[in-house]
């Protein structure tokens, strides 16, 4: 089984490749004088990709946190599974929602406080993420590049040994889960074919609450278009 770091590098490399492919491809041309909605509609007709419709995507990915919380290295993301759904208008505007269950990781910790004994212990964190999503889709030949900005809630579940927590090691108000708001910009490169849709994506979860670490997630998406 690949190590988590290997999976993370694979996801990051896949996402980077998707971005290079999307940015390097020249989309079909519309009349420069056309408004954005007409231009996107023209591109969709030329490329054979219809933007309008409702889609439901299952997601699977891997993520990692990008900051420590009170000298603790917490990993509430890790392997994640979820759903992404929404409706896209012909102009390319998309409104939807999302939900993800991130299994997280167990991380070994060491604390050397100014007073009291040193502690070696494990923290076990995971998270649930969900909310509303707004986005914009742009056809790129047979593919579709989708930019998104998600607004939602994170519920981070955590476990710290009771004897350690009693010595002032706590997260948030000391109760699990810790709940906070987040916003998450992201991008996905999708291949729509009739009712089928699949692709890869990337998003950065910027946490508002300072006791939940921000992080990024690379993911695979597969689902249906109605």
C-alpha atoms as a PDB file:
ATOM      1  CA  UNK A   1       0.000   0.000   0.000  1.00  0.00           C
ATOM      2  CA  UNK A   2       1.498   3.445  -0.922  1.00  0.00           C
ATOM      3  CA  UNK A   3       2.590   5.643   1.955  1.00  0.00           C
ATOM      4  CA  UNK A   4       0.399   8.742   2.652  1.00  0.00           C
ATOM      5  CA  UNK A   5       3.229  11.026   1.529  1.00  0.00           C
ATOM      6  CA  UNK A   6       3.417   9.154  -1.791  1.00  0.00           C
ATOM      7  CA  UNK A   7      -0.318   9.437  -2.307  1.00  0.00           C
ATOM      8  CA  UNK A   8      -0.142  13.140  -1.519  1.00  0.00           C
ATOM      9  CA  UNK A   9       2.620  13.671  -4.077  1.00  0.00           C
ATOM     10  CA  UNK A  10       0.642  11.727  -6.674  1.00  0.00           C
ATOM     11  CA  UNK A  11      -2.487  13.815  -6.047  1.00  0.00           C
ATOM     12  CA  UNK A  12      -0.503  17.058  -6.203  1.00  0.00           C
ATOM     13  CA  UNK A  13       1.263  16.003  -9.399  1.00  0.00           C
ATOM     14  CA  UNK A  14      -2.031  14.967 -11.012  1.00  0.00           C
ATOM     15  CA  UNK A  15      -3.618  18.280 -10.127  1.00  0.00           C
ATOM     16  CA  UNK A  16      -0.620  20.231 -11.448  1.00  0.00           C
ATOM     17  CA  UNK A  17      -0.753  18.256 -14.688  1.00  0.00           C
ATOM     18  CA  UNK A  18      -4.454  19.023 -15.036  1.00  0.00           C
ATOM     19  CA  UNK A  19      -3.835  22.735 -14.586  1.00  0.00           C
ATOM     20  CA  UNK A  20      -1.004  22.759 -17.123  1.00  0.00           C
ATOM     21  CA  UNK A  21      -3.194  20.865 -19.581  1.00  0.00           C
ATOM     22  CA  UNK A  22      -6.114  23.214 -19.078  1.00  0.00           C
ATOM     23  CA  UNK A  23      -4.075  26.405 -19.246  1.00  0.00           C
ATOM     24  CA  UNK A  24      -2.082  25.206 -22.213  1.00  0.00           C
ATOM     25  CA  UNK A  25      -5.110  24.236 -24.249  1.00  0.00           C
ATOM     26  CA  UNK A  26      -6.677  26.921 -26.427  1.00  0.00           C
ATOM     27  CA  UNK A  27     -10.469  26.923 -26.078  1.00  0.00           C
ATOM     28  CA  UNK A  28     -12.644  27.303 -29.147  1.00  0.00           C
ATOM     29  CA  UNK A  29     -13.039  30.932 -30.225  1.00  0.00           C
ATOM     30  CA  UNK A  30     -16.215  32.940 -30.039  1.00  0.00           C
ATOM     31  CA  UNK A  31     -16.841  36.467 -31.320  1.00  0.00           C
ATOM     32  CA  UNK A  32     -14.840  38.841 -29.082  1.00  0.00           C
ATOM     33  CA  UNK A  33     -17.807  41.194 -29.011  1.00  0.00           C
ATOM     34  CA  UNK A  34     -20.181  38.626 -27.570  1.00  0.00           C
ATOM     35  CA  UNK A  35     -21.158  38.826 -23.895  1.00  0.00           C
ATOM     36  CA  UNK A  36     -19.775  36.037 -21.616  1.00  0.00           C
ATOM     37  CA  UNK A  37     -23.005  33.996 -21.659  1.00  0.00           C
ATOM     38  CA  UNK A  38     -23.150  33.991 -25.471  1.00  0.00           C
ATOM     39  CA  UNK A  39     -19.409  33.285 -25.739  1.00  0.00           C
ATOM     40  CA  UNK A  40     -19.631  30.283 -23.403  1.00  0.00           C
ATOM     41  CA  UNK A  41     -22.681  28.983 -25.259  1.00  0.00           C
ATOM     42  CA  UNK A  42     -20.819  29.296 -28.570  1.00  0.00           C
ATOM     43  CA  UNK A  43     -17.809  27.448 -27.206  1.00  0.00           C
ATOM     44  CA  UNK A  44     -20.040  24.714 -25.822  1.00  0.00           C
ATOM     45  CA  UNK A  45     -21.660  24.190 -29.219  1.00  0.00           C
ATOM     46  CA  UNK A  46     -18.295  24.094 -30.988  1.00  0.00           C
ATOM     47  CA  UNK A  47     -16.726  21.689 -28.509  1.00  0.00           C
ATOM     48  CA  UNK A  48     -19.820  19.520 -28.198  1.00  0.00           C
ATOM     49  CA  UNK A  49     -19.843  20.030 -24.416  1.00  0.00           C
ATOM     50  CA  UNK A  50     -23.152  21.154 -22.920  1.00  0.00           C
ATOM     51  CA  UNK A  51     -22.751  23.168 -19.745  1.00  0.00           C
ATOM     52  CA  UNK A  52     -26.383  23.223 -18.687  1.00  0.00           C
ATOM     53  CA  UNK A  53     -27.582  20.504 -16.350  1.00  0.00           C
ATOM     54  CA  UNK A  54     -27.536  18.943 -12.910  1.00  0.00           C
ATOM     55  CA  UNK A  55     -24.626  16.745 -11.866  1.00  0.00           C
ATOM     56  CA  UNK A  56     -23.882  14.498  -8.892  1.00  0.00           C
ATOM     57  CA  UNK A  57     -20.267  13.481  -8.273  1.00  0.00           C
ATOM     58  CA  UNK A  58     -18.761  11.060  -5.791  1.00  0.00           C
ATOM     59  CA  UNK A  59     -15.351  12.237  -4.556  1.00  0.00           C
ATOM     60  CA  UNK A  60     -12.342  10.448  -3.092  1.00  0.00           C
ATOM     61  CA  UNK A  61      -9.074  12.104  -2.199  1.00  0.00           C
ATOM     62  CA  UNK A  62      -6.215  12.791   0.136  1.00  0.00           C
ATOM     63  CA  UNK A  63      -5.435  15.908   2.130  1.00  0.00           C
ATOM     64  CA  UNK A  64      -2.997  17.355   4.641  1.00  0.00           C
ATOM     65  CA  UNK A  65      -3.004  20.254   7.066  1.00  0.00           C
ATOM     66  CA  UNK A  66      -0.720  23.242   6.531  1.00  0.00           C
ATOM     67  CA  UNK A  67      -0.380  24.590  10.087  1.00  0.00           C
ATOM     68  CA  UNK A  68       0.099  23.513  13.689  1.00  0.00           C
ATOM     69  CA  UNK A  69      -2.444  24.235  16.407  1.00  0.00           C
ATOM     70  CA  UNK A  70      -1.022  25.221  19.792  1.00  0.00           C
ATOM     71  CA  UNK A  71       2.224  23.346  19.072  1.00  0.00           C
ATOM     72  CA  UNK A  72       0.261  20.259  18.067  1.00  0.00           C
ATOM     73  CA  UNK A  73       0.568  18.732  14.607  1.00  0.00           C
ATOM     74  CA  UNK A  74      -3.013  17.764  13.735  1.00  0.00           C
ATOM     75  CA  UNK A  75      -4.093  15.940  10.570  1.00  0.00           C
ATOM     76  CA  UNK A  76      -7.908  16.012  10.358  1.00  0.00           C
ATOM     77  CA  UNK A  77      -7.971  15.471   6.575  1.00  0.00           C
ATOM     78  CA  UNK A  78      -6.120  12.426   5.221  1.00  0.00           C
ATOM     79  CA  UNK A  79      -8.253  10.059   3.144  1.00  0.00           C
ATOM     80  CA  UNK A  80     -11.656  11.581   2.372  1.00  0.00           C
ATOM     81  CA  UNK A  81     -14.884  10.534   0.686  1.00  0.00           C
ATOM     82  CA  UNK A  82     -17.839  12.695  -0.204  1.00  0.00           C
ATOM     83  CA  UNK A  83     -20.431  14.075  -2.601  1.00  0.00           C
ATOM     84  CA  UNK A  84     -20.449  17.157  -4.829  1.00  0.00           C
ATOM     85  CA  UNK A  85     -23.680  18.205  -6.535  1.00  0.00           C
ATOM     86  CA  UNK A  86     -25.053  21.248  -8.312  1.00  0.00           C
ATOM     87  CA  UNK A  87     -26.761  22.831 -11.276  1.00  0.00           C
ATOM     88  CA  UNK A  88     -24.871  24.612 -14.061  1.00  0.00           C
ATOM     89  CA  UNK A  89     -26.509  27.192 -16.301  1.00  0.00           C
ATOM     90  CA  UNK A  90     -25.599  27.609 -19.975  1.00  0.00           C
ATOM     91  CA  UNK A  91     -23.573  30.704 -19.046  1.00  0.00           C
ATOM     92  CA  UNK A  92     -21.257  28.479 -17.002  1.00  0.00           C
ATOM     93  CA  UNK A  93     -22.406  29.646 -13.564  1.00  0.00           C
ATOM     94  CA  UNK A  94     -22.879  26.761 -11.111  1.00  0.00           C
ATOM     95  CA  UNK A  95     -24.625  26.644  -7.743  1.00  0.00           C
ATOM     96  CA  UNK A  96     -24.425  23.552  -5.582  1.00  0.00           C
ATOM     97  CA  UNK A  97     -23.374  21.888  -2.359  1.00  0.00           C
ATOM     98  CA  UNK A  98     -20.825  19.435  -1.036  1.00  0.00           C
ATOM     99  CA  UNK A  99     -20.154  17.044   1.832  1.00  0.00           C
ATOM    100  CA  UNK A 100     -16.978  15.162   2.759  1.00  0.00           C
ATOM    101  CA  UNK A 101     -15.968  12.805   5.535  1.00  0.00           C
ATOM    102  CA  UNK A 102     -12.198  12.957   6.109  1.00  0.00           C
ATOM    103  CA  UNK A 103     -10.748  10.048   8.087  1.00  0.00           C
ATOM    104  CA  UNK A 104      -7.703  11.977   9.306  1.00  0.00           C
ATOM    105  CA  UNK A 105      -4.585  10.477  10.859  1.00  0.00           C
ATOM    106  CA  UNK A 106      -3.043   9.519  14.174  1.00  0.00           C
ATOM    107  CA  UNK A 107       0.024  11.698  14.838  1.00  0.00           C
ATOM    108  CA  UNK A 108       2.735  11.158  17.454  1.00  0.00           C
ATOM    109  CA  UNK A 109       3.308  14.261  19.594  1.00  0.00           C
ATOM    110  CA  UNK A 110       5.988  15.426  22.015  1.00  0.00           C
ATOM    111  CA  UNK A 111       5.517  18.291  24.443  1.00  0.00           C
ATOM    112  CA  UNK A 112       8.211  19.803  26.638  1.00  0.00           C
ATOM    113  CA  UNK A 113       6.417  22.407  28.775  1.00  0.00           C
ATOM    114  CA  UNK A 114       8.244  24.997  30.856  1.00  0.00           C
ATOM    115  CA  UNK A 115       6.709  23.451  33.926  1.00  0.00           C
ATOM    116  CA  UNK A 116       5.870  19.823  34.555  1.00  0.00           C
ATOM    117  CA  UNK A 117       6.978  16.587  32.901  1.00  0.00           C
ATOM    118  CA  UNK A 118       7.513  16.022  29.204  1.00  0.00           C
ATOM    119  CA  UNK A 119       4.745  14.192  27.360  1.00  0.00           C
ATOM    120  CA  UNK A 120       4.826  11.723  24.478  1.00  0.00           C
ATOM    121  CA  UNK A 121       1.370  10.864  23.208  1.00  0.00           C
ATOM    122  CA  UNK A 122      -0.791  10.420  20.103  1.00  0.00           C
ATOM    123  CA  UNK A 123      -3.554  12.633  18.774  1.00  0.00           C
ATOM    124  CA  UNK A 124      -6.301  11.193  16.592  1.00  0.00           C
ATOM    125  CA  UNK A 125      -8.228  13.740  14.493  1.00  0.00           C
ATOM    126  CA  UNK A 126     -10.755  13.545  11.655  1.00  0.00           C
ATOM    127  CA  UNK A 127     -13.322  15.922  10.198  1.00  0.00           C
ATOM    128  CA  UNK A 128     -16.640  16.435   8.462  1.00  0.00           C
ATOM    129  CA  UNK A 129     -16.924  19.264   5.913  1.00  0.00           C
ATOM    130  CA  UNK A 130     -20.012  20.528   4.136  1.00  0.00           C
ATOM    131  CA  UNK A 131     -21.642  23.634   2.747  1.00  0.00           C
ATOM    132  CA  UNK A 132     -22.606  25.630  -0.349  1.00  0.00           C
ATOM    133  CA  UNK A 133     -20.575  25.949  -3.532  1.00  0.00           C
ATOM    134  CA  UNK A 134     -20.537  28.580  -6.263  1.00  0.00           C
ATOM    135  CA  UNK A 135     -18.511  28.152  -9.412  1.00  0.00           C
ATOM    136  CA  UNK A 136     -17.877  28.867 -13.049  1.00  0.00           C
ATOM    137  CA  UNK A 137     -17.351  26.293 -15.806  1.00  0.00           C
ATOM    138  CA  UNK A 138     -15.341  26.918 -18.973  1.00  0.00           C
ATOM    139  CA  UNK A 139     -15.269  24.375 -21.833  1.00  0.00           C
ATOM    140  CA  UNK A 140     -11.772  23.453 -23.055  1.00  0.00           C
ATOM    141  CA  UNK A 141     -12.207  21.285 -26.155  1.00  0.00           C
ATOM    142  CA  UNK A 142     -13.712  17.997 -24.894  1.00  0.00           C
ATOM    143  CA  UNK A 143     -12.951  18.898 -21.275  1.00  0.00           C
ATOM    144  CA  UNK A 144     -14.448  21.330 -18.796  1.00  0.00           C
ATOM    145  CA  UNK A 145     -12.480  23.516 -16.396  1.00  0.00           C
ATOM    146  CA  UNK A 146     -14.483  24.399 -13.289  1.00  0.00           C
ATOM    147  CA  UNK A 147     -13.473  27.047 -10.754  1.00  0.00           C
ATOM    148  CA  UNK A 148     -15.225  26.899  -7.371  1.00  0.00           C
ATOM    149  CA  UNK A 149     -15.463  28.776  -4.100  1.00  0.00           C
ATOM    150  CA  UNK A 150     -17.016  26.811  -1.245  1.00  0.00           C
ATOM    151  CA  UNK A 151     -18.457  28.220   1.979  1.00  0.00           C
ATOM    152  CA  UNK A 152     -19.198  25.790   4.771  1.00  0.00           C
ATOM    153  CA  UNK A 153     -18.673  24.270   8.190  1.00  0.00           C
ATOM    154  CA  UNK A 154     -15.971  21.940   9.515  1.00  0.00           C
ATOM    155  CA  UNK A 155     -16.554  19.672  12.501  1.00  0.00           C
ATOM    156  CA  UNK A 156     -13.160  18.371  13.660  1.00  0.00           C
ATOM    157  CA  UNK A 157     -13.296  15.287  15.878  1.00  0.00           C
ATOM    158  CA  UNK A 158     -10.269  14.745  18.116  1.00  0.00           C
ATOM    159  CA  UNK A 159      -8.960  12.483  20.848  1.00  0.00           C
ATOM    160  CA  UNK A 160      -6.171  13.271  23.329  1.00  0.00           C
ATOM    161  CA  UNK A 161      -5.246  10.979  26.257  1.00  0.00           C
ATOM    162  CA  UNK A 162      -7.091  12.107  29.375  1.00  0.00           C
ATOM    163  CA  UNK A 163      -3.939  12.302  31.526  1.00  0.00           C
ATOM    164  CA  UNK A 164      -2.321  14.640  28.978  1.00  0.00           C
ATOM    165  CA  UNK A 165      -5.434  16.775  28.458  1.00  0.00           C
ATOM    166  CA  UNK A 166      -5.592  17.285  32.204  1.00  0.00           C
ATOM    167  CA  UNK A 167      -2.225  19.063  31.977  1.00  0.00           C
ATOM    168  CA  UNK A 168      -3.593  21.934  29.853  1.00  0.00           C
ATOM    169  CA  UNK A 169      -3.314  20.251  26.432  1.00  0.00           C
ATOM    170  CA  UNK A 170      -6.684  20.946  24.839  1.00  0.00           C
ATOM    171  CA  UNK A 171      -8.251  22.071  21.594  1.00  0.00           C
ATOM    172  CA  UNK A 172     -10.907  24.756  21.398  1.00  0.00           C
ATOM    173  CA  UNK A 173     -13.178  24.665  24.431  1.00  0.00           C
ATOM    174  CA  UNK A 174     -11.935  21.196  25.390  1.00  0.00           C
ATOM    175  CA  UNK A 175     -14.847  19.261  23.892  1.00  0.00           C
ATOM    176  CA  UNK A 176     -14.970  17.238  20.685  1.00  0.00           C
ATOM    177  CA  UNK A 177     -15.968  18.005  17.975  1.00  0.00           C
ATOM    178  CA  UNK A 178     -14.621  21.506  17.454  1.00  0.00           C
ATOM    179  CA  UNK A 179     -16.820  23.341  14.954  1.00  0.00           C
ATOM    180  CA  UNK A 180     -15.842  26.283  12.754  1.00  0.00           C
ATOM    181  CA  UNK A 181     -16.467  27.978   9.424  1.00  0.00           C
ATOM    182  CA  UNK A 182     -14.276  27.647   6.348  1.00  0.00           C
ATOM    183  CA  UNK A 183     -14.037  28.874   2.783  1.00  0.00           C
ATOM    184  CA  UNK A 184     -12.354  26.804   0.106  1.00  0.00           C
ATOM    185  CA  UNK A 185     -11.229  27.992  -3.342  1.00  0.00           C
ATOM    186  CA  UNK A 186     -10.663  25.152  -5.783  1.00  0.00           C
ATOM    187  CA  UNK A 187     -10.385  24.018  -9.374  1.00  0.00           C
ATOM    188  CA  UNK A 188     -11.327  20.819 -11.197  1.00  0.00           C
ATOM    189  CA  UNK A 189     -10.711  19.492 -14.696  1.00  0.00           C
ATOM    190  CA  UNK A 190     -13.600  17.289 -15.826  1.00  0.00           C
ATOM    191  CA  UNK A 191     -14.339  15.072 -18.799  1.00  0.00           C
ATOM    192  CA  UNK A 192     -18.081  15.028 -19.550  1.00  0.00           C
ATOM    193  CA  UNK A 193     -19.322  12.308 -21.897  1.00  0.00           C
ATOM    194  CA  UNK A 194     -23.088  12.070 -22.381  1.00  0.00           C
ATOM    195  CA  UNK A 195     -24.457  11.319 -18.905  1.00  0.00           C
ATOM    196  CA  UNK A 196     -21.031  10.408 -17.467  1.00  0.00           C
ATOM    197  CA  UNK A 197     -18.533  12.821 -15.872  1.00  0.00           C
ATOM    198  CA  UNK A 198     -15.102  12.260 -14.290  1.00  0.00           C
ATOM    199  CA  UNK A 199     -12.009  14.252 -13.466  1.00  0.00           C
ATOM    200  CA  UNK A 200      -9.513  15.464 -10.880  1.00  0.00           C
ATOM    201  CA  UNK A 201      -9.592  18.494  -8.617  1.00  0.00           C
ATOM    202  CA  UNK A 202      -7.885  20.449  -5.881  1.00  0.00           C
ATOM    203  CA  UNK A 203      -9.112  22.727  -3.100  1.00  0.00           C
ATOM    204  CA  UNK A 204      -7.657  24.626  -0.173  1.00  0.00           C
ATOM    205  CA  UNK A 205      -9.707  24.705   3.033  1.00  0.00           C
ATOM    206  CA  UNK A 206      -9.009  28.005   4.783  1.00  0.00           C
ATOM    207  CA  UNK A 207     -10.326  27.625   8.325  1.00  0.00           C
ATOM    208  CA  UNK A 208     -11.705  30.672  10.134  1.00  0.00           C
ATOM    209  CA  UNK A 209     -11.424  29.155  13.614  1.00  0.00           C
ATOM    210  CA  UNK A 210      -7.841  29.194  14.901  1.00  0.00           C
ATOM    211  CA  UNK A 211      -8.163  25.801  16.622  1.00  0.00           C
ATOM    212  CA  UNK A 212      -8.807  23.953  13.330  1.00  0.00           C
ATOM    213  CA  UNK A 213      -5.836  23.696  10.941  1.00  0.00           C
ATOM    214  CA  UNK A 214      -6.263  24.804   7.349  1.00  0.00           C
ATOM    215  CA  UNK A 215      -5.339  22.276   4.683  1.00  0.00           C
ATOM    216  CA  UNK A 216      -5.508  21.197   1.066  1.00  0.00           C
ATOM    217  CA  UNK A 217      -7.182  18.214  -0.585  1.00  0.00           C
ATOM    218  CA  UNK A 218      -6.536  16.625  -3.972  1.00  0.00           C
ATOM    219  CA  UNK A 219      -9.353  14.433  -5.199  1.00  0.00           C
ATOM    220  CA  UNK A 220     -10.838  12.307  -7.920  1.00  0.00           C
ATOM    221  CA  UNK A 221     -14.424  12.930  -9.062  1.00  0.00           C
ATOM    222  CA  UNK A 222     -16.809  10.587 -10.852  1.00  0.00           C
ATOM    223  CA  UNK A 223     -20.546  10.821 -11.361  1.00  0.00           C
ATOM    224  CA  UNK A 224     -23.486  11.556 -13.628  1.00  0.00           C
ATOM    225  CA  UNK A 225     -24.872  14.536 -15.530  1.00  0.00           C
ATOM    226  CA  UNK A 226     -28.623  14.886 -15.895  1.00  0.00           C
END
